[in-house]
Amino acid sequence: RNMLWRFPLVPTGAGSIVAGTYETQTQMFSKKVFPKEVRIYTNPLAADNAFEIDLIGSGGSVLSGGSQKFGVGTGSVAAGTDMVQYNPSTAPTYAIGVRITNASVTGTRNWTASKVEIDWVPAGK
């Protein structure tokens, strides 16, 4: 299990939703790896938070099967939750980055992430 990156995503407080995207640097591996689980730790989420997590590859493009949308109060995420997770279904890769996009159309509140963790296993050459 490796932990990657710690960051605030968007400012909180009064004002309009921040329609922003945060992207990490891409972590390179000497051999291919298979991402098994992605976890995002947050401040307690409120109703109307909405965002999408994408795993990105070496060229900066989204890995097929590496995305997940989260909507608090409209999906499977309950208000007050402080961690969301999913199991990507990507092919093995030698490079992984994370892109988080705040969904300003479906979400109406800002939120803050504090840590991203990706569990991975070796997947060959």
Protein backbone atom coordinates (compact mmCIF):
# COMPACT_ATOMS: atom_id res chain seq x y z
CA ARG A 1 0.00 0.00 0.00
CA ASN A 2 1.38 3.37 -0.94
CA MET A 3 0.11 6.77 0.11
CA LEU A 4 0.34 9.50 -2.48
CA TRP A 5 -0.14 13.26 -2.07
CA ARG A 6 -1.81 15.45 0.54
CA PHE A 7 -3.59 18.63 -0.54
CA PRO A 8 -6.48 21.00 0.00
CA LEU A 9 -8.79 20.87 -3.02
CA VAL A 10 -10.87 24.02 -2.85
CA PRO A 11 -11.35 26.82 -0.34
CA THR A 12 -14.30 26.61 2.00
CA GLY A 13 -16.47 29.37 3.31
CA ALA A 14 -19.04 31.75 1.93
CA GLY A 15 -19.28 32.41 -1.76
CA SER A 16 -20.04 30.45 -4.87
CA ILE A 17 -18.89 26.95 -5.69
CA VAL A 18 -15.36 26.71 -7.07
CA ALA A 19 -15.47 24.96 -10.44
CA GLY A 20 -11.92 23.68 -10.22
CA THR A 21 -9.73 20.77 -11.11
CA TYR A 22 -6.77 19.53 -9.12
CA GLU A 23 -4.23 17.22 -10.69
CA THR A 24 -1.31 15.54 -8.96
CA GLN A 25 2.04 14.82 -10.46
CA THR A 26 2.15 11.42 -12.11
CA GLN A 27 3.92 8.70 -10.12
CA MET A 28 6.17 6.58 -12.33
CA PHE A 29 6.87 2.91 -11.48
CA SER A 30 9.78 0.77 -12.69
CA LYS A 31 7.34 -2.04 -13.56
CA LYS A 32 3.62 -2.08 -14.26
CA VAL A 33 1.21 -1.91 -11.35
CA PHE A 34 -2.49 -2.63 -11.02
CA PRO A 35 -4.46 -0.08 -8.93
CA LYS A 36 -6.82 -1.97 -6.59
CA GLU A 37 -8.47 0.75 -4.47
CA VAL A 38 -8.56 4.55 -4.36
CA ARG A 39 -9.45 6.39 -1.14
CA ILE A 40 -10.02 10.12 -0.75
CA TYR A 41 -10.05 11.48 2.83
CA THR A 42 -12.03 14.70 3.23
CA ASN A 43 -13.44 17.07 5.77
CA PRO A 44 -16.96 15.84 6.56
CA LEU A 45 -18.90 16.13 3.32
CA ALA A 46 -22.16 18.07 3.20
CA ALA A 47 -25.29 17.58 1.12
CA ASP A 48 -24.78 18.89 -2.42
CA ASN A 49 -21.02 18.18 -2.60
CA ALA A 50 -20.25 16.59 -5.97
CA PHE A 51 -16.94 15.66 -7.59
CA GLU A 52 -15.26 13.17 -9.91
CA ILE A 53 -12.02 11.27 -9.37
CA ASP A 54 -9.99 10.17 -12.42
CA LEU A 55 -6.83 8.10 -12.51
CA ILE A 56 -4.57 9.43 -15.23
CA GLY A 57 -1.73 7.76 -17.09
CA SER A 58 1.65 8.82 -18.42
CA GLY A 59 0.23 11.02 -21.19
CA GLY A 60 -2.16 12.85 -18.89
CA SER A 61 -5.21 11.07 -20.27
CA VAL A 62 -7.80 9.34 -18.09
CA LEU A 63 -7.19 5.60 -17.69
CA SER A 64 -10.13 3.59 -18.99
CA GLY A 65 -12.06 2.24 -15.99
CA GLY A 66 -10.27 4.60 -13.60
CA SER A 67 -13.02 7.18 -12.95
CA GLN A 68 -15.70 7.50 -10.29
CA LYS A 69 -18.30 10.22 -9.63
CA PHE A 70 -19.46 11.05 -6.11
CA GLY A 71 -22.58 13.00 -5.17
CA VAL A 72 -23.45 13.57 -1.52
CA GLY A 73 -27.12 13.13 -0.76
CA THR A 74 -27.94 12.12 -4.35
CA GLY A 75 -25.88 8.95 -4.57
CA SER A 76 -24.39 6.42 -2.20
CA VAL A 77 -22.44 9.00 -0.19
CA ALA A 78 -24.13 10.20 3.00
CA ALA A 79 -23.66 13.67 4.48
CA GLY A 80 -21.02 13.63 7.21
CA THR A 81 -18.87 11.05 5.42
CA ASP A 82 -15.14 11.85 5.67
CA MET A 83 -13.77 9.24 3.25
CA VAL A 84 -14.90 7.94 -0.13
CA GLN A 85 -13.43 4.96 -1.94
CA TYR A 86 -13.77 2.96 -5.12
CA ASN A 87 -12.16 0.05 -6.93
CA PRO A 88 -10.94 1.06 -10.39
CA SER A 89 -10.98 -1.46 -13.22
CA THR A 90 -8.02 -0.20 -15.22
CA ALA A 91 -5.43 -2.21 -17.11
CA PRO A 92 -1.96 -2.43 -15.54
CA THR A 93 0.08 0.75 -16.00
CA TYR A 94 3.54 2.10 -15.21
CA ALA A 95 2.29 5.61 -14.36
CA ILE A 96 -0.57 6.83 -12.14
CA GLY A 97 -1.76 10.34 -11.34
CA VAL A 98 -5.01 11.61 -9.86
CA ARG A 99 -7.33 14.29 -11.22
CA ILE A 100 -10.17 15.58 -9.03
CA THR A 101 -12.82 17.77 -10.59
CA ASN A 102 -15.34 19.69 -8.50
CA ALA A 103 -18.73 19.30 -10.18
CA SER A 104 -20.04 22.86 -10.08
CA VAL A 105 -23.12 21.93 -12.11
CA THR A 106 -24.43 19.17 -9.83
CA GLY A 107 -22.73 20.28 -6.60
CA THR A 108 -23.49 23.54 -4.86
CA ARG A 109 -20.98 23.45 -1.96
CA ASN A 110 -17.21 23.60 -1.77
CA TRP A 111 -15.33 20.85 0.06
CA THR A 112 -11.75 20.00 1.03
CA ALA A 113 -9.74 16.81 0.55
CA SER A 114 -6.85 16.08 2.88
CA LYS A 115 -5.31 12.87 1.56
CA VAL A 116 -5.38 10.51 -1.43
CA GLU A 117 -4.34 6.87 -1.06
CA ILE A 118 -4.01 4.30 -3.83
CA ASP A 119 -3.53 0.60 -3.09
CA TRP A 120 -1.75 -1.21 -5.91
CA VAL A 121 -0.16 -4.57 -6.62
CA PRO A 122 2.71 -5.47 -8.99
CA ALA A 123 1.48 -6.40 -12.45
CA GLY A 124 4.55 -7.50 -14.41
CA LYS A 125 6.95 -5.76 -16.76
